[in-house]
């Protein structure tokens, strides 16, 4: 992701936060969002957020977008 597109951005549309991520970076974000292998206590809420975002990125990848 070091070579990320500088045009990546975020904005608000109504009640939604919209993230624009370059397609070439999708895999990198999915890897970065993998659960931490350490045994430290994790927040269930942040784990769910990470899983939901990773799932959304996976769906985009699988659609060939």
N, C-alpha and C. Protein backbone atom coordinates (compact mmCIF):
# COMPACT_ATOMS: atom_id res chain seq x y z
N UNK A 1 0.80 -1.18 0.00
CA UNK A 1 0.00 0.00 0.00
C UNK A 1 0.86 1.26 0.00
N UNK A 2 2.14 1.10 0.08
CA UNK A 2 3.02 2.26 0.04
C UNK A 2 2.89 3.02 -1.27
N UNK A 3 2.51 2.30 -2.34
CA UNK A 3 2.36 2.94 -3.64
C UNK A 3 0.90 3.32 -3.90
N UNK A 4 0.13 3.51 -2.85
CA UNK A 4 -1.30 3.80 -2.99
C UNK A 4 -1.54 5.01 -3.86
N UNK A 5 -2.66 4.99 -4.52
CA UNK A 5 -3.12 6.10 -5.34
C UNK A 5 -3.41 7.29 -4.42
N UNK A 6 -2.81 8.40 -4.69
CA UNK A 6 -3.02 9.57 -3.84
C UNK A 6 -4.43 10.12 -3.97
N UNK A 7 -5.19 9.62 -4.92
CA UNK A 7 -6.56 10.08 -5.09
C UNK A 7 -7.54 9.33 -4.21
N UNK A 8 -7.07 8.38 -3.40
CA UNK A 8 -7.95 7.70 -2.47
C UNK A 8 -8.55 8.77 -1.56
N UNK A 9 -9.82 8.62 -1.25
CA UNK A 9 -10.46 9.66 -0.47
C UNK A 9 -11.66 9.11 0.29
N UNK A 10 -12.25 9.96 1.08
CA UNK A 10 -13.45 9.60 1.83
C UNK A 10 -14.36 10.83 1.87
N UNK A 11 -15.66 10.58 1.90
CA UNK A 11 -16.61 11.67 1.99
C UNK A 11 -17.90 11.13 2.60
N UNK A 12 -18.83 12.02 2.84
CA UNK A 12 -20.11 11.65 3.45
C UNK A 12 -21.21 11.84 2.42
N UNK A 13 -22.06 10.83 2.30
CA UNK A 13 -23.27 10.91 1.47
C UNK A 13 -24.44 10.56 2.37
N UNK A 14 -25.18 11.57 2.80
CA UNK A 14 -26.29 11.33 3.71
C UNK A 14 -25.79 10.74 5.02
N UNK A 15 -26.26 9.55 5.34
CA UNK A 15 -25.88 8.87 6.58
C UNK A 15 -24.75 7.87 6.37
N UNK A 16 -24.06 7.93 5.23
CA UNK A 16 -23.01 6.96 4.91
C UNK A 16 -21.65 7.64 4.75
N UNK A 17 -20.63 6.98 5.27
CA UNK A 17 -19.26 7.38 4.98
C UNK A 17 -18.84 6.59 3.76
N UNK A 18 -18.33 7.25 2.76
CA UNK A 18 -17.95 6.62 1.51
C UNK A 18 -16.43 6.66 1.39
N UNK A 19 -15.83 5.49 1.21
CA UNK A 19 -14.38 5.39 1.05
C UNK A 19 -14.07 5.04 -0.40
N UNK A 20 -13.13 5.73 -0.96
CA UNK A 20 -12.69 5.42 -2.32
C UNK A 20 -11.28 4.87 -2.21
N UNK A 21 -11.14 3.59 -2.55
CA UNK A 21 -9.86 2.90 -2.45
C UNK A 21 -9.49 2.41 -3.84
N UNK A 22 -8.27 2.64 -4.27
CA UNK A 22 -7.85 2.14 -5.58
C UNK A 22 -7.99 0.61 -5.63
N UNK A 23 -8.51 0.09 -6.73
CA UNK A 23 -8.71 -1.35 -6.86
C UNK A 23 -7.43 -2.14 -6.65
N UNK A 24 -6.31 -1.59 -7.08
CA UNK A 24 -5.06 -2.33 -6.93
C UNK A 24 -4.67 -2.49 -5.47
N UNK A 25 -5.27 -1.70 -4.56
CA UNK A 25 -4.95 -1.78 -3.14
C UNK A 25 -5.89 -2.69 -2.34
N UNK A 26 -6.94 -3.22 -2.97
CA UNK A 26 -7.92 -4.02 -2.25
C UNK A 26 -7.28 -5.17 -1.49
N UNK A 27 -6.44 -5.93 -2.13
CA UNK A 27 -5.83 -7.08 -1.47
C UNK A 27 -5.00 -6.63 -0.26
N UNK A 28 -4.26 -5.57 -0.40
CA UNK A 28 -3.46 -5.05 0.70
C UNK A 28 -4.30 -4.68 1.90
N UNK A 29 -5.44 -4.06 1.65
CA UNK A 29 -6.34 -3.71 2.75
C UNK A 29 -6.91 -4.97 3.39
N UNK A 30 -7.27 -5.94 2.58
CA UNK A 30 -7.80 -7.19 3.14
C UNK A 30 -6.77 -7.87 4.03
N UNK A 31 -5.52 -7.89 3.62
CA UNK A 31 -4.46 -8.48 4.43
C UNK A 31 -4.29 -7.68 5.72
N UNK A 32 -4.29 -6.36 5.61
CA UNK A 32 -4.11 -5.51 6.79
C UNK A 32 -5.25 -5.67 7.79
N UNK A 33 -6.41 -6.04 7.31
CA UNK A 33 -7.58 -6.17 8.19
C UNK A 33 -7.73 -7.56 8.81
N UNK A 34 -6.81 -8.45 8.50
CA UNK A 34 -6.86 -9.78 9.11
C UNK A 34 -6.73 -9.65 10.63
N UNK A 35 -7.39 -10.54 11.37
CA UNK A 35 -7.30 -10.47 12.84
C UNK A 35 -5.85 -10.60 13.32
N UNK A 36 -5.54 -9.91 14.37
CA UNK A 36 -4.20 -9.96 14.97
C UNK A 36 -4.00 -11.33 15.62
N UNK A 37 -2.89 -12.00 15.36
CA UNK A 37 -2.65 -13.33 15.91
C UNK A 37 -2.23 -13.32 17.38
N UNK A 38 -1.97 -12.15 17.95
CA UNK A 38 -1.54 -12.12 19.35
C UNK A 38 -2.71 -12.49 20.26
N UNK A 39 -2.41 -12.81 21.47
CA UNK A 39 -3.43 -13.27 22.42
C UNK A 39 -4.01 -12.14 23.28
N UNK A 40 -3.66 -10.93 22.99
CA UNK A 40 -4.17 -9.80 23.77
C UNK A 40 -5.69 -9.69 23.62
N UNK A 41 -6.33 -9.16 24.63
CA UNK A 41 -7.78 -8.97 24.61
C UNK A 41 -8.17 -8.04 23.47
N UNK A 42 -9.21 -8.41 22.74
CA UNK A 42 -9.68 -7.62 21.60
C UNK A 42 -11.11 -7.14 21.89
N UNK A 43 -11.44 -6.01 21.38
CA UNK A 43 -12.80 -5.50 21.47
C UNK A 43 -13.67 -6.24 20.45
N UNK A 44 -14.79 -6.75 20.91
CA UNK A 44 -15.72 -7.44 20.00
C UNK A 44 -16.24 -6.48 18.94
N UNK A 45 -16.50 -5.25 19.35
CA UNK A 45 -17.04 -4.25 18.41
C UNK A 45 -16.04 -3.95 17.30
N UNK A 46 -14.77 -3.75 17.64
CA UNK A 46 -13.80 -3.45 16.59
C UNK A 46 -13.51 -4.68 15.74
N UNK A 47 -13.58 -5.85 16.34
CA UNK A 47 -13.41 -7.08 15.55
C UNK A 47 -14.51 -7.19 14.51
N UNK A 48 -15.74 -6.88 14.89
CA UNK A 48 -16.86 -6.93 13.94
C UNK A 48 -16.69 -5.91 12.83
N UNK A 49 -16.26 -4.70 13.19
CA UNK A 49 -16.03 -3.67 12.17
C UNK A 49 -14.98 -4.13 11.17
N UNK A 50 -13.89 -4.68 11.67
CA UNK A 50 -12.82 -5.17 10.81
C UNK A 50 -13.34 -6.28 9.90
N UNK A 51 -14.10 -7.21 10.46
CA UNK A 51 -14.66 -8.32 9.66
C UNK A 51 -15.62 -7.80 8.59
N UNK A 52 -16.47 -6.84 8.95
CA UNK A 52 -17.43 -6.30 7.98
C UNK A 52 -16.74 -5.58 6.83
N UNK A 53 -15.72 -4.79 7.15
CA UNK A 53 -15.00 -4.09 6.08
C UNK A 53 -14.23 -5.08 5.21
N UNK A 54 -13.60 -6.07 5.83
CA UNK A 54 -12.87 -7.08 5.07
C UNK A 54 -13.83 -7.86 4.16
N UNK A 55 -15.02 -8.17 4.66
CA UNK A 55 -16.01 -8.89 3.86
C UNK A 55 -16.46 -8.04 2.66
N UNK A 56 -16.68 -6.75 2.88
CA UNK A 56 -17.10 -5.87 1.79
C UNK A 56 -16.02 -5.80 0.71
N UNK A 57 -14.75 -5.70 1.13
CA UNK A 57 -13.66 -5.66 0.16
C UNK A 57 -13.54 -6.98 -0.58
N UNK A 58 -13.78 -8.08 0.11
CA UNK A 58 -13.74 -9.40 -0.54
C UNK A 58 -14.83 -9.50 -1.60
N UNK A 59 -16.02 -9.02 -1.29
CA UNK A 59 -17.12 -9.05 -2.26
C UNK A 59 -16.77 -8.23 -3.50
N UNK A 60 -16.17 -7.08 -3.31
CA UNK A 60 -15.76 -6.27 -4.46
C UNK A 60 -14.74 -7.02 -5.31
N UNK A 61 -13.77 -7.66 -4.64
CA UNK A 61 -12.74 -8.41 -5.38
C UNK A 61 -13.36 -9.55 -6.15
N UNK A 62 -14.29 -10.25 -5.53
CA UNK A 62 -14.88 -11.43 -6.18
C UNK A 62 -15.76 -11.04 -7.36
N UNK A 63 -16.26 -9.82 -7.37
CA UNK A 63 -17.09 -9.35 -8.48
C UNK A 63 -16.26 -8.91 -9.68
N UNK A 64 -14.95 -8.89 -9.48
CA UNK A 64 -14.08 -8.48 -10.56
C UNK A 64 -14.15 -7.01 -10.85
N UNK A 65 -14.53 -6.25 -9.85
CA UNK A 65 -14.65 -4.80 -10.02
C UNK A 65 -13.28 -4.20 -10.17
